[in-house]
C-alpha atoms as a PDB file:
ATOM      1  CA  MET A   1       0.000   0.000   0.000  1.00  0.00           C
ATOM      2  CA  SER A   2       1.256   3.406  -0.915  1.00  0.00           C
ATOM      3  CA  LEU A   3       0.356   6.211   1.465  1.00  0.00           C
ATOM      4  CA  THR A   4       0.281   9.723   0.002  1.00  0.00           C
ATOM      5  CA  LYS A   5       0.364  12.940   1.970  1.00  0.00           C
ATOM      6  CA  SER A   6      -3.316  13.380   1.114  1.00  0.00           C
ATOM      7  CA  ASP A   7      -4.118   9.902   2.483  1.00  0.00           C
ATOM      8  CA  LEU A   8      -2.228  10.670   5.680  1.00  0.00           C
ATOM      9  CA  THR A   9      -4.046  13.990   6.031  1.00  0.00           C
ATOM     10  CA  ASN A  10      -7.435  12.284   5.612  1.00  0.00           C
ATOM     11  CA  LYS A  11      -6.597   9.565   8.162  1.00  0.00           C
ATOM     12  CA  ILE A  12      -5.531  12.179  10.729  1.00  0.00           C
ATOM     13  CA  ARG A  13      -8.655  14.239   9.995  1.00  0.00           C
ATOM     14  CA  SER A  14     -10.965  11.285  10.544  1.00  0.00           C
ATOM     15  CA  LYS A  15      -9.216   9.958  13.682  1.00  0.00           C
ATOM     16  CA  VAL A  16      -8.544  13.257  15.459  1.00  0.00           C
ATOM     17  CA  GLY A  17     -11.479  15.310  14.221  1.00  0.00           C
ATOM     18  CA  LEU A  18      -9.514  18.183  12.696  1.00  0.00           C
ATOM     19  CA  THR A  19     -10.409  19.931   9.463  1.00  0.00           C
ATOM     20  CA  SER A  20      -8.580  18.947   6.283  1.00  0.00           C
ATOM     21  CA  THR A  21      -6.637  22.212   6.350  1.00  0.00           C
ATOM     22  CA  GLU A  22      -5.564  21.729   9.966  1.00  0.00           C
ATOM     23  CA  SER A  23      -4.552  18.126   9.304  1.00  0.00           C
ATOM     24  CA  LEU A  24      -2.525  19.125   6.248  1.00  0.00           C
ATOM     25  CA  THR A  25      -0.814  21.837   8.302  1.00  0.00           C
ATOM     26  CA  TYR A  26       0.231  19.279  10.930  1.00  0.00           C
ATOM     27  CA  VAL A  27       1.463  16.783   8.316  1.00  0.00           C
ATOM     28  CA  ASN A  28       3.485  19.457   6.485  1.00  0.00           C
ATOM     29  CA  SER A  29       4.867  20.788   9.769  1.00  0.00           C
ATOM     30  CA  PHE A  30       6.014  17.313  10.809  1.00  0.00           C
ATOM     31  CA  PHE A  31       7.737  16.641   7.469  1.00  0.00           C
ATOM     32  CA  ASP A  32       9.383  20.084   7.492  1.00  0.00           C
ATOM     33  CA  PHE A  33      10.575  19.493  11.054  1.00  0.00           C
ATOM     34  CA  VAL A  34      12.094  16.103  10.203  1.00  0.00           C
ATOM     35  CA  LYS A  35      13.833  17.506   7.094  1.00  0.00           C
ATOM     36  CA  SER A  36      15.322  20.511   8.867  1.00  0.00           C
ATOM     37  CA  GLU A  37      16.397  18.578  11.978  1.00  0.00           C
ATOM     38  CA  VAL A  38      18.104  15.817  10.005  1.00  0.00           C
ATOM     39  CA  GLU A  39      19.929  18.397   7.855  1.00  0.00           C
ATOM     40  CA  THR A  40      21.147  20.491  10.773  1.00  0.00           C
ATOM     41  CA  ASP A  41      21.335  18.279  13.864  1.00  0.00           C
ATOM     42  CA  GLY A  42      21.770  14.772  12.494  1.00  0.00           C
ATOM     43  CA  PRO A  43      19.772  11.688  13.464  1.00  0.00           C
ATOM     44  CA  ILE A  44      16.198  11.855  14.717  1.00  0.00           C
ATOM     45  CA  LYS A  45      15.040   9.065  17.006  1.00  0.00           C
ATOM     46  CA  LEU A  46      11.314   8.547  17.462  1.00  0.00           C
ATOM     47  CA  THR A  47      11.031   6.162  20.401  1.00  0.00           C
ATOM     48  CA  GLY A  48       8.998   3.076  19.564  1.00  0.00           C
ATOM     49  CA  PHE A  49       8.995   3.916  15.851  1.00  0.00           C
ATOM     50  CA  GLY A  50      12.514   4.306  14.467  1.00  0.00           C
ATOM     51  CA  SER A  51      15.338   6.627  13.492  1.00  0.00           C
ATOM     52  CA  PHE A  52      16.049   8.824  10.493  1.00  0.00           C
ATOM     53  CA  ILE A  53      19.792   8.839   9.821  1.00  0.00           C
ATOM     54  CA  ILE A  54      21.994  10.480   7.187  1.00  0.00           C
ATOM     55  CA  LYS A  55      24.603   8.117   5.730  1.00  0.00           C
ATOM     56  CA  GLU A  56      27.493   9.202   3.559  1.00  0.00           C
ATOM     57  CA  LYS A  57      28.179   7.111   0.485  1.00  0.00           C
ATOM     58  CA  LYS A  58      31.670   7.183  -1.011  1.00  0.00           C
ATOM     59  CA  ARG A  59      32.467   7.611  -4.676  1.00  0.00           C
ATOM     60  CA  ARG A  60      32.268   4.249  -6.397  1.00  0.00           C
ATOM     61  CA  LYS A  61      32.536   2.610  -9.752  1.00  0.00           C
ATOM     62  CA  GLY A  62      29.314   1.609 -11.510  1.00  0.00           C
ATOM     63  CA  ARG A  63      28.094   1.076 -15.030  1.00  0.00           C
ATOM     64  CA  ASN A  64      25.519   2.595 -17.318  1.00  0.00           C
ATOM     65  CA  PRO A  65      22.799  -0.085 -17.632  1.00  0.00           C
ATOM     66  CA  GLN A  66      21.896   1.003 -21.169  1.00  0.00           C
ATOM     67  CA  THR A  67      25.382   0.990 -22.660  1.00  0.00           C
ATOM     68  CA  GLY A  68      27.367  -1.113 -20.198  1.00  0.00           C
ATOM     69  CA  GLU A  69      29.929   1.695 -20.100  1.00  0.00           C
ATOM     70  CA  PRO A  70      31.781   2.088 -16.786  1.00  0.00           C
ATOM     71  CA  ILE A  71      31.001   5.294 -14.877  1.00  0.00           C
ATOM     72  CA  TYR A  72      31.779   6.745 -11.480  1.00  0.00           C
ATOM     73  CA  ILE A  73      28.965   7.468  -9.075  1.00  0.00           C
ATOM     74  CA  SER A  74      29.776  10.568  -7.043  1.00  0.00           C
ATOM     75  CA  GLU A  75      29.832  10.639  -3.258  1.00  0.00           C
ATOM     76  CA  ARG A  76      26.580  11.736  -1.700  1.00  0.00           C
ATOM     77  CA  LYS A  77      24.458  11.723   1.413  1.00  0.00           C
ATOM     78  CA  VAL A  78      21.387   9.520   1.670  1.00  0.00           C
ATOM     79  CA  LEU A  79      18.590   9.496   4.208  1.00  0.00           C
ATOM     80  CA  LYS A  80      17.947   6.115   5.823  1.00  0.00           C
ATOM     81  CA  PHE A  81      15.163   4.956   8.093  1.00  0.00           C
ATOM     82  CA  LYS A  82      15.933   2.303  10.681  1.00  0.00           C
ATOM     83  CA  PRO A  83      12.845   0.876  12.384  1.00  0.00           C
ATOM     84  CA  SER A  84      12.946   0.410  16.153  1.00  0.00           C
ATOM     85  CA  VAL A  85      13.019  -3.005  17.773  1.00  0.00           C
ATOM     86  CA  VAL A  86       9.483  -2.328  19.069  1.00  0.00           C
ATOM     87  CA  LEU A  87       8.144  -1.587  15.566  1.00  0.00           C
ATOM     88  CA  LYS A  88       9.899  -4.618  14.053  1.00  0.00           C
ATOM     89  CA  SER A  89       8.533  -6.935  16.735  1.00  0.00           C
ATOM     90  CA  GLN A  90       4.990  -5.596  16.264  1.00  0.00           C
ATOM     91  CA  ILE A  91       5.210  -6.177  12.513  1.00  0.00           C
ATOM     92  CA  ASN A  92       6.648  -9.656  12.921  1.00  0.00           C
ATOM     93  CA  LYS A  93       4.052 -10.527  15.565  1.00  0.00           C
ATOM     94  CA  LYS A  94       1.197  -9.596  13.211  1.00  0.00           C
ATOM     95  CA  HIS A  95       2.653 -11.609  10.343  1.00  0.00           C
ATOM     96  CA  LYS A  96       3.439 -14.573  12.600  1.00  0.00           C
ATOM     97  CA  ASN A  97      -0.186 -14.746  13.754  1.00  0.00           C
ATOM     98  CA  GLY A  98      -1.402 -14.758  10.154  1.00  0.00           C
ATOM     99  CA  SER A  99      -3.159 -11.408  10.357  1.00  0.00           C
ATOM    100  CA  GLY A 100      -0.659  -9.565   8.163  1.00  0.00           C
ATOM    101  CA  ARG A 101      -1.917  -8.004   4.896  1.00  0.00           C
END
């Protein structure tokens, strides 16, 4: 299942009882907060959910899949999400009991 920002806004609106505009404001504020905090202060840990971490990837050799020609992929930073032990165990528990999907 793919969850869009609009879907998330609608779920928050229906569960919390906010208007669509208020829900969208909260969703946008949360995403903006996560982006700015990760950029400036590093990892964000949401207890019971997981962590957003920036990893640095080194320059490496690759190849162009269309031509097979060797290329170099530049160094860059990537954002990673690492789920917490609590979240992983909840997911595995649901799938183990057969109620997943």
